Amino acid sequence: MAASNFKRSLALVLAHEGGYVNHPLDPGGATNQGVTQAVYDAYRTYHKQKIQSVKLISSLEVSEIYQKNYWKLCRADSLPCGLDYAVFDFAVNSGVSRAVRYLQRTVNVVQDGVIGVITLAAIEAAAELDEQKLIIQYCANRMAFLQSLGTFKTFGRGWTRRVLGSKTGVQESDNGVIDFAVKMALDDPVFSLPTPVGSKMDEIPAKAVANIDPEITVVAPIIDTAELLKNLAVSNDMLAQRIN
C-alpha cells in the first residue's frame, strides 16, 4: 500500500486543476486549485474562521482540504500505489462517492460508496492479478462516465486530456492520470507535472458531476488492449480529431 503517496498525488492533481476559474456552465461554480467555494466555505466555517473568497485560499488550506475531504475518505492509504492516485483524482473532479462506487464497479462488488473490508479484499485480489489492467479499466470507466455527461461537449476536451493524456493509452512520456497511475504502480518516481486543464486550445476546466440519486453507473467495455482504449476515446468525433 502507499501511505506516502499523498504529496506526489496532490502535486499532480493541483497541476491538472490549475488556478481560479468560474465558468457559468461549471456545476462546481467558483473554484481555485480544484477547491470549490462551497467546500472552502464549509472548511472555514468548521474552523470558526470568517468566510472569504476561494481566490484567497492558502496552500496549507488546500493540502488539508484534499487530505481530509478526499484522500482519507477514499481510504487511499489502503489502496495500491497508482490506483490510489487514480481514485483520488476522480474523487476531486467528480466527488468521493462516485469515485469509490466506480472503483467498486470495476472490481465487481456492491456499489455503496464506502470502501470496507470486502471492497479492499476485491481490490487487492484484482491488483495482484494485474494492477495495470485494473488501473486502465478504472480510468476507462471514468471516461465512460465523463462522456455520458451533458456538459461533455463543453468540457470534454480538458477532461479527456486529464484522464488519458495527449495520447490514448499508456505512454512513458504522456501525462494523463492513466499514465501517471501506471508509472506509480511500476514504482517509477521520475516524471514531469502536467499542464493545467484549460491551458490548451478549446479546453475549459470544470467539475464533472451528475445527480447521484438516481443514477445509472456508466461503464466502459472490458479494456484488454490499448486499441480498445483508443476506440473508447475516438467514439466521440471531437476527440477523434485530436487523437488520430
C-alpha atoms as a PDB file:
ATOM      1  CA  MET A   1       0.000   0.000   0.000  1.00  0.00           C
ATOM      2  CA  ALA A   2       1.042   3.613  -0.443  1.00  0.00           C
ATOM      3  CA  ALA A   3       0.786   5.607   2.742  1.00  0.00           C
ATOM      4  CA  SER A   4       3.403   8.077   1.497  1.00  0.00           C
ATOM      5  CA  ASN A   5       1.866   8.798  -1.913  1.00  0.00           C
ATOM      6  CA  PHE A   6      -0.377  11.729  -0.906  1.00  0.00           C
ATOM      7  CA  LYS A   7       2.077  14.566  -1.592  1.00  0.00           C
ATOM      8  CA  ARG A   8       3.027  13.243  -5.002  1.00  0.00           C
ATOM      9  CA  SER A   9      -0.612  12.623  -5.914  1.00  0.00           C
ATOM     10  CA  LEU A  10      -1.641  16.064  -4.667  1.00  0.00           C
ATOM     11  CA  ALA A  11       1.038  17.721  -6.819  1.00  0.00           C
ATOM     12  CA  LEU A  12      -0.399  16.003  -9.895  1.00  0.00           C
ATOM     13  CA  VAL A  13      -3.988  16.890  -9.021  1.00  0.00           C
ATOM     14  CA  LEU A  14      -3.091  20.535  -8.475  1.00  0.00           C
ATOM     15  CA  ALA A  15      -1.147  20.637 -11.734  1.00  0.00           C
ATOM     16  CA  HIS A  16      -4.237  19.451 -13.596  1.00  0.00           C
ATOM     17  CA  GLU A  17      -6.586  21.739 -11.678  1.00  0.00           C
ATOM     18  CA  GLY A  18      -4.702  24.981 -12.220  1.00  0.00           C
ATOM     19  CA  GLY A  19      -5.833  28.229 -10.580  1.00  0.00           C
ATOM     20  CA  TYR A  20      -9.047  30.199 -10.160  1.00  0.00           C
ATOM     21  CA  VAL A  21     -11.925  29.568 -12.596  1.00  0.00           C
ATOM     22  CA  ASN A  22     -15.622  30.442 -12.559  1.00  0.00           C
ATOM     23  CA  HIS A  23     -17.223  29.275 -15.798  1.00  0.00           C
ATOM     24  CA  PRO A  24     -21.010  29.781 -15.915  1.00  0.00           C
ATOM     25  CA  LEU A  25     -21.602  26.195 -17.091  1.00  0.00           C
ATOM     26  CA  ASP A  26     -19.358  24.604 -14.465  1.00  0.00           C
ATOM     27  CA  PRO A  27     -21.641  22.962 -11.853  1.00  0.00           C
ATOM     28  CA  GLY A  28     -18.865  23.403  -9.292  1.00  0.00           C
ATOM     29  CA  GLY A  29     -19.065  27.190  -9.532  1.00  0.00           C
ATOM     30  CA  ALA A  30     -16.120  29.337  -8.451  1.00  0.00           C
ATOM     31  CA  THR A  31     -13.101  27.077  -7.971  1.00  0.00           C
ATOM     32  CA  ASN A  32      -9.446  27.617  -7.097  1.00  0.00           C
ATOM     33  CA  GLN A  33      -6.873  24.813  -7.311  1.00  0.00           C
ATOM     34  CA  GLY A  34      -9.796  22.421  -7.579  1.00  0.00           C
ATOM     35  CA  VAL A  35     -11.449  23.568  -4.338  1.00  0.00           C
ATOM     36  CA  THR A  36     -14.958  24.950  -4.843  1.00  0.00           C
ATOM     37  CA  GLN A  37     -16.260  27.975  -2.977  1.00  0.00           C
ATOM     38  CA  ALA A  38     -18.819  25.755  -1.207  1.00  0.00           C
ATOM     39  CA  VAL A  39     -16.135  23.372   0.062  1.00  0.00           C
ATOM     40  CA  TYR A  40     -13.944  26.261   1.151  1.00  0.00           C
ATOM     41  CA  ASP A  41     -16.874  27.909   2.982  1.00  0.00           C
ATOM     42  CA  ALA A  42     -17.536  24.665   4.858  1.00  0.00           C
ATOM     43  CA  TYR A  43     -13.850  24.357   5.759  1.00  0.00           C
ATOM     44  CA  ARG A  44     -13.654  27.938   7.055  1.00  0.00           C
ATOM     45  CA  THR A  45     -16.887  27.561   8.998  1.00  0.00           C
ATOM     46  CA  TYR A  46     -15.714  24.333  10.621  1.00  0.00           C
ATOM     47  CA  HIS A  47     -12.548  26.079  11.778  1.00  0.00           C
ATOM     48  CA  LYS A  48     -14.590  29.077  13.040  1.00  0.00           C
ATOM     49  CA  GLN A  49     -12.968  31.396  10.524  1.00  0.00           C
ATOM     50  CA  LYS A  50     -14.539  34.198   8.502  1.00  0.00           C
ATOM     51  CA  ILE A  51     -15.858  33.203   5.076  1.00  0.00           C
ATOM     52  CA  GLN A  52     -13.783  34.602   2.216  1.00  0.00           C
ATOM     53  CA  SER A  53     -13.352  34.155  -1.500  1.00  0.00           C
ATOM     54  CA  VAL A  54     -11.779  30.894  -2.615  1.00  0.00           C
ATOM     55  CA  LYS A  55      -9.372  33.104  -4.577  1.00  0.00           C
ATOM     56  CA  LEU A  56      -7.626  33.688  -1.225  1.00  0.00           C
ATOM     57  CA  ILE A  57      -7.187  30.043  -0.226  1.00  0.00           C
ATOM     58  CA  SER A  58      -3.706  29.220   1.114  1.00  0.00           C
ATOM     59  CA  SER A  59      -1.557  26.268   0.088  1.00  0.00           C
ATOM     60  CA  LEU A  60      -1.852  24.870   3.632  1.00  0.00           C
ATOM     61  CA  GLU A  61      -5.642  25.020   3.462  1.00  0.00           C
ATOM     62  CA  VAL A  62      -5.613  23.363   0.044  1.00  0.00           C
ATOM     63  CA  SER A  63      -3.471  20.481   1.292  1.00  0.00           C
ATOM     64  CA  GLU A  64      -5.587  19.940   4.406  1.00  0.00           C
ATOM     65  CA  ILE A  65      -8.857  20.011   2.470  1.00  0.00           C
ATOM     66  CA  TYR A  66      -7.604  17.494  -0.074  1.00  0.00           C
ATOM     67  CA  GLN A  67      -6.205  15.157   2.543  1.00  0.00           C
ATOM     68  CA  LYS A  68      -9.245  15.177   4.836  1.00  0.00           C
ATOM     69  CA  ASN A  69     -12.079  15.567   2.331  1.00  0.00           C
ATOM     70  CA  TYR A  70     -10.796  13.339  -0.452  1.00  0.00           C
ATOM     71  CA  TRP A  71      -7.664  11.269   0.236  1.00  0.00           C
ATOM     72  CA  LYS A  72      -8.760   9.909   3.608  1.00  0.00           C
ATOM     73  CA  LEU A  73     -12.411   9.448   2.605  1.00  0.00           C
ATOM     74  CA  CYS A  74     -11.238   7.338  -0.343  1.00  0.00           C
ATOM     75  CA  ARG A  75      -9.059   5.318   2.053  1.00  0.00           C
ATOM     76  CA  ALA A  76      -6.266   5.991  -0.411  1.00  0.00           C
ATOM     77  CA  ASP A  77      -3.597   4.935   2.098  1.00  0.00           C
ATOM     78  CA  SER A  78      -5.093   1.438   1.892  1.00  0.00           C
ATOM     79  CA  LEU A  79      -5.054   1.267  -1.905  1.00  0.00           C
ATOM     80  CA  PRO A  80      -2.224   0.047  -4.152  1.00  0.00           C
ATOM     81  CA  CYS A  81       0.191   2.724  -5.321  1.00  0.00           C
ATOM     82  CA  GLY A  82      -1.028   4.223  -8.572  1.00  0.00           C
ATOM     83  CA  LEU A  83      -4.626   3.181  -8.076  1.00  0.00           C
ATOM     84  CA  ASP A  84      -4.693   5.461  -5.011  1.00  0.00           C
ATOM     85  CA  TYR A  85      -3.861   8.446  -7.225  1.00  0.00           C
ATOM     86  CA  ALA A  86      -6.395   7.465  -9.915  1.00  0.00           C
ATOM     87  CA  VAL A  87      -9.197   7.211  -7.340  1.00  0.00           C
ATOM     88  CA  PHE A  88      -8.096  10.432  -5.617  1.00  0.00           C
ATOM     89  CA  ASP A  89      -8.117  12.408  -8.873  1.00  0.00           C
ATOM     90  CA  PHE A  90     -11.551  11.035  -9.818  1.00  0.00           C
ATOM     91  CA  ALA A  91     -12.863  11.982  -6.351  1.00  0.00           C
ATOM     92  CA  VAL A  92     -11.575  15.540  -6.622  1.00  0.00           C
ATOM     93  CA  ASN A  93     -13.131  16.038 -10.060  1.00  0.00           C
ATOM     94  CA  SER A  94     -16.409  14.174  -9.590  1.00  0.00           C
ATOM     95  CA  GLY A  95     -16.957  13.502  -5.875  1.00  0.00           C
ATOM     96  CA  VAL A  96     -15.752  10.857  -3.426  1.00  0.00           C
ATOM     97  CA  SER A  97     -18.874   8.695  -3.547  1.00  0.00           C
ATOM     98  CA  ARG A  98     -18.810   8.425  -7.312  1.00  0.00           C
ATOM     99  CA  ALA A  99     -15.082   7.678  -7.463  1.00  0.00           C
ATOM    100  CA  VAL A 100     -15.479   4.927  -4.885  1.00  0.00           C
ATOM    101  CA  ARG A 101     -18.590   3.432  -6.489  1.00  0.00           C
ATOM    102  CA  TYR A 102     -16.840   3.299  -9.856  1.00  0.00           C
ATOM    103  CA  LEU A 103     -13.931   1.528  -8.199  1.00  0.00           C
ATOM    104  CA  GLN A 104     -16.359  -0.949  -6.633  1.00  0.00           C
ATOM    105  CA  ARG A 105     -17.996  -1.478 -10.012  1.00  0.00           C
ATOM    106  CA  THR A 106     -14.585  -2.135 -11.550  1.00  0.00           C
ATOM    107  CA  VAL A 107     -13.811  -4.896  -9.021  1.00  0.00           C
ATOM    108  CA  ASN A 108     -17.376  -6.274  -9.058  1.00  0.00           C
ATOM    109  CA  VAL A 109     -18.564  -5.612  -5.503  1.00  0.00           C
ATOM    110  CA  VAL A 110     -21.649  -3.829  -4.167  1.00  0.00           C
ATOM    111  CA  GLN A 111     -21.562  -0.146  -5.084  1.00  0.00           C
ATOM    112  CA  ASP A 112     -22.375   1.529  -1.775  1.00  0.00           C
ATOM    113  CA  GLY A 113     -19.766   4.291  -2.000  1.00  0.00           C
ATOM    114  CA  VAL A 114     -17.901   3.120   1.109  1.00  0.00           C
ATOM    115  CA  ILE A 115     -14.592   1.264   0.997  1.00  0.00           C
ATOM    116  CA  GLY A 116     -14.728  -1.509   3.601  1.00  0.00           C
ATOM    117  CA  VAL A 117     -13.028  -4.844   4.031  1.00  0.00           C
ATOM    118  CA  ILE A 118     -14.964  -6.536   1.213  1.00  0.00           C
ATOM    119  CA  THR A 119     -14.042  -3.833  -1.273  1.00  0.00           C
ATOM    120  CA  LEU A 120     -10.416  -3.782  -0.133  1.00  0.00           C
ATOM    121  CA  ALA A 121     -10.168  -7.560  -0.484  1.00  0.00           C
ATOM    122  CA  ALA A 122     -11.545  -7.382  -4.028  1.00  0.00           C
ATOM    123  CA  ILE A 123      -9.144  -4.560  -4.919  1.00  0.00           C
ATOM    124  CA  GLU A 124      -6.186  -6.489  -3.522  1.00  0.00           C
ATOM    125  CA  ALA A 125      -7.144  -9.591  -5.487  1.00  0.00           C
ATOM    126  CA  ALA A 126      -7.551  -7.636  -8.727  1.00  0.00           C
ATOM    127  CA  ALA A 127      -4.266  -5.777  -8.191  1.00  0.00           C
ATOM    128  CA  GLU A 128      -2.371  -8.986  -7.515  1.00  0.00           C
ATOM    129  CA  LEU A 129      -3.771 -10.455 -10.704  1.00  0.00           C
ATOM    130  CA  ASP A 130      -2.914  -7.411 -12.879  1.00  0.00           C
ATOM    131  CA  GLU A 131      -2.663  -3.976 -11.296  1.00  0.00           C
ATOM    132  CA  GLN A 132      -2.040  -2.158 -14.570  1.00  0.00           C
ATOM    133  CA  LYS A 133      -5.157  -3.690 -16.098  1.00  0.00           C
ATOM    134  CA  LEU A 134      -7.148  -2.637 -13.012  1.00  0.00           C
ATOM    135  CA  ILE A 135      -5.958   0.967 -13.354  1.00  0.00           C
ATOM    136  CA  ILE A 136      -6.647   1.047 -17.092  1.00  0.00           C
ATOM    137  CA  GLN A 137     -10.165  -0.356 -16.663  1.00  0.00           C
ATOM    138  CA  TYR A 138     -10.926   2.089 -13.863  1.00  0.00           C
ATOM    139  CA  CYS A 139      -9.805   5.051 -15.979  1.00  0.00           C
ATOM    140  CA  ALA A 140     -11.786   3.707 -18.942  1.00  0.00           C
ATOM    141  CA  ASN A 141     -14.911   3.503 -16.786  1.00  0.00           C
ATOM    142  CA  ARG A 142     -14.256   7.061 -15.656  1.00  0.00           C
ATOM    143  CA  MET A 143     -14.083   8.174 -19.294  1.00  0.00           C
ATOM    144  CA  ALA A 144     -17.393   6.425 -19.985  1.00  0.00           C
ATOM    145  CA  PHE A 145     -18.935   8.426 -17.143  1.00  0.00           C
ATOM    146  CA  LEU A 146     -17.488  11.694 -18.436  1.00  0.00           C
ATOM    147  CA  GLN A 147     -18.750  11.050 -21.949  1.00  0.00           C
ATOM    148  CA  SER A 148     -22.247  10.456 -20.561  1.00  0.00           C
ATOM    149  CA  LEU A 149     -22.474  13.970 -19.097  1.00  0.00           C
ATOM    150  CA  GLY A 150     -24.473  16.678 -20.821  1.00  0.00           C
ATOM    151  CA  THR A 151     -21.569  19.075 -20.293  1.00  0.00           C
ATOM    152  CA  PHE A 152     -19.070  16.847 -22.116  1.00  0.00           C
ATOM    153  CA  LYS A 153     -19.429  18.881 -25.311  1.00  0.00           C
ATOM    154  CA  THR A 154     -18.167  21.944 -23.437  1.00  0.00           C
ATOM    155  CA  PHE A 155     -15.619  20.453 -21.048  1.00  0.00           C
ATOM    156  CA  GLY A 156     -14.807  17.080 -22.589  1.00  0.00           C
ATOM    157  CA  ARG A 157     -11.557  18.054 -24.276  1.00  0.00           C
ATOM    158  CA  GLY A 158      -9.971  19.066 -20.958  1.00  0.00           C
ATOM    159  CA  TRP A 159     -11.409  16.104 -19.069  1.00  0.00           C
ATOM    160  CA  THR A 160     -10.097  13.705 -21.701  1.00  0.00           C
ATOM    161  CA  ARG A 161      -6.563  15.103 -21.587  1.00  0.00           C
ATOM    162  CA  ARG A 162      -6.678  14.988 -17.800  1.00  0.00           C
ATOM    163  CA  VAL A 163      -7.598  11.297 -17.702  1.00  0.00           C
ATOM    164  CA  LEU A 164      -5.987   9.894 -20.862  1.00  0.00           C
ATOM    165  CA  GLY A 165      -3.249  12.449 -21.571  1.00  0.00           C
ATOM    166  CA  SER A 166      -2.389  13.769 -25.013  1.00  0.00           C
ATOM    167  CA  LYS A 167      -2.178  10.261 -26.465  1.00  0.00           C
ATOM    168  CA  THR A 168      -4.625   7.474 -25.743  1.00  0.00           C
ATOM    169  CA  GLY A 169      -3.208   4.513 -23.871  1.00  0.00           C
ATOM    170  CA  VAL A 170      -0.251   4.384 -21.504  1.00  0.00           C
ATOM    171  CA  GLN A 171       2.982   6.101 -22.558  1.00  0.00           C
ATOM    172  CA  GLU A 172       6.130   6.859 -20.595  1.00  0.00           C
ATOM    173  CA  SER A 173       6.170  10.445 -21.869  1.00  0.00           C
ATOM    174  CA  ASP A 174       2.464  11.234 -21.536  1.00  0.00           C
ATOM    175  CA  ASN A 175       0.832  12.940 -18.554  1.00  0.00           C
ATOM    176  CA  GLY A 176      -2.735  11.730 -18.120  1.00  0.00           C
ATOM    177  CA  VAL A 177      -3.994  10.201 -14.890  1.00  0.00           C
ATOM    178  CA  ILE A 178      -3.779   6.788 -16.525  1.00  0.00           C
ATOM    179  CA  ASP A 179      -0.109   7.342 -17.435  1.00  0.00           C
ATOM    180  CA  PHE A 180       0.963   8.593 -14.009  1.00  0.00           C
ATOM    181  CA  ALA A 181      -1.018   5.902 -12.190  1.00  0.00           C
ATOM    182  CA  VAL A 182       0.678   3.124 -14.158  1.00  0.00           C
ATOM    183  CA  LYS A 183       4.090   4.736 -13.607  1.00  0.00           C
ATOM    184  CA  MET A 184       3.408   4.786  -9.875  1.00  0.00           C
ATOM    185  CA  ALA A 185       2.346   1.152  -9.972  1.00  0.00           C
ATOM    186  CA  LEU A 186       5.639   0.348 -11.673  1.00  0.00           C
ATOM    187  CA  ASP A 187       7.464   2.326  -8.971  1.00  0.00           C
ATOM    188  CA  ASP A 188       8.713   4.938 -11.389  1.00  0.00           C
ATOM    189  CA  PRO A 189       9.408   8.106  -9.330  1.00  0.00           C
ATOM    190  CA  VAL A 190      10.576  10.285 -12.228  1.00  0.00           C
ATOM    191  CA  PHE A 191       8.062  12.265 -14.234  1.00  0.00           C
ATOM    192  CA  SER A 192       7.205  15.881 -15.042  1.00  0.00           C
ATOM    193  CA  LEU A 193       3.973  17.570 -13.980  1.00  0.00           C
ATOM    194  CA  PRO A 194       1.129  18.067 -16.477  1.00  0.00           C
ATOM    195  CA  THR A 195      -0.046  21.469 -17.637  1.00  0.00           C
ATOM    196  CA  PRO A 196      -3.376  22.660 -16.163  1.00  0.00           C
ATOM    197  CA  VAL A 197      -6.612  21.777 -17.915  1.00  0.00           C
ATOM    198  CA  GLY A 198      -7.581  24.992 -19.673  1.00  0.00           C
ATOM    199  CA  SER A 199      -4.099  25.804 -20.915  1.00  0.00           C
ATOM    200  CA  LYS A 200      -4.614  24.207 -24.338  1.00  0.00           C
ATOM    201  CA  MET A 201      -6.951  25.259 -27.133  1.00  0.00           C
ATOM    202  CA  ASP A 202     -10.658  24.520 -26.567  1.00  0.00           C
ATOM    203  CA  GLU A 203     -10.090  23.232 -23.024  1.00  0.00           C
ATOM    204  CA  ILE A 204     -12.273  24.559 -20.216  1.00  0.00           C
ATOM    205  CA  PRO A 205     -11.679  23.364 -16.630  1.00  0.00           C
ATOM    206  CA  ALA A 206     -14.777  22.190 -14.761  1.00  0.00           C
ATOM    207  CA  LYS A 207     -16.086  19.707 -12.230  1.00  0.00           C
ATOM    208  CA  ALA A 208     -17.518  16.522 -13.732  1.00  0.00           C
ATOM    209  CA  VAL A 209     -20.604  15.780 -11.660  1.00  0.00           C
ATOM    210  CA  ALA A 210     -24.095  14.339 -12.011  1.00  0.00           C
ATOM    211  CA  ASN A 211     -27.021  13.615  -9.732  1.00  0.00           C
ATOM    212  CA  ILE A 212     -26.161  10.621  -7.564  1.00  0.00           C
ATOM    213  CA  ASP A 213     -29.724   9.515  -6.764  1.00  0.00           C
ATOM    214  CA  PRO A 214     -30.991   8.237  -9.048  1.00  0.00           C
ATOM    215  CA  GLU A 215     -28.016   7.491 -11.269  1.00  0.00           C
ATOM    216  CA  ILE A 216     -27.175   4.614 -13.573  1.00  0.00           C
ATOM    217  CA  THR A 217     -23.486   3.768 -13.373  1.00  0.00           C
ATOM    218  CA  VAL A 218     -21.975   4.188 -16.820  1.00  0.00           C
ATOM    219  CA  VAL A 219     -19.098   1.853 -17.522  1.00  0.00           C
ATOM    220  CA  ALA A 220     -16.798   1.112 -20.410  1.00  0.00           C
ATOM    221  CA  PRO A 221     -16.423  -2.233 -22.169  1.00  0.00           C
ATOM    222  CA  ILE A 222     -13.751  -4.523 -20.750  1.00  0.00           C
ATOM    223  CA  ILE A 223     -10.461  -2.984 -21.859  1.00  0.00           C
ATOM    224  CA  ASP A 224      -7.946  -5.680 -22.764  1.00  0.00           C
ATOM    225  CA  THR A 225      -5.778  -3.803 -25.252  1.00  0.00           C
ATOM    226  CA  ALA A 226      -4.533  -0.291 -25.927  1.00  0.00           C
ATOM    227  CA  GLU A 227      -6.523  -0.317 -29.167  1.00  0.00           C
ATOM    228  CA  LEU A 228      -9.774  -0.796 -27.270  1.00  0.00           C
ATOM    229  CA  LEU A 229      -8.921   2.146 -25.040  1.00  0.00           C
ATOM    230  CA  LYS A 230      -8.271   4.257 -28.126  1.00  0.00           C
ATOM    231  CA  ASN A 231     -11.611   3.182 -29.589  1.00  0.00           C
ATOM    232  CA  LEU A 232     -13.343   4.369 -26.416  1.00  0.00           C
ATOM    233  CA  ALA A 233     -11.963   7.868 -26.879  1.00  0.00           C
ATOM    234  CA  VAL A 234     -12.329   8.211 -30.644  1.00  0.00           C
ATOM    235  CA  SER A 235     -16.001   7.235 -30.463  1.00  0.00           C
ATOM    236  CA  ASN A 236     -16.501  10.945 -29.893  1.00  0.00           C
ATOM    237  CA  ASP A 237     -15.967  12.892 -33.140  1.00  0.00           C
ATOM    238  CA  MET A 238     -14.387  15.873 -31.423  1.00  0.00           C
ATOM    239  CA  LEU A 239     -11.808  13.692 -29.711  1.00  0.00           C
ATOM    240  CA  ALA A 240     -11.071  11.726 -32.851  1.00  0.00           C
ATOM    241  CA  GLN A 241      -9.709  14.877 -34.473  1.00  0.00           C
ATOM    242  CA  ARG A 242      -7.203  15.312 -31.653  1.00  0.00           C
ATOM    243  CA  ILE A 243      -6.144  11.707 -31.077  1.00  0.00           C
ATOM    244  CA  ASN A 244      -5.727  10.494 -34.672  1.00  0.00           C
END
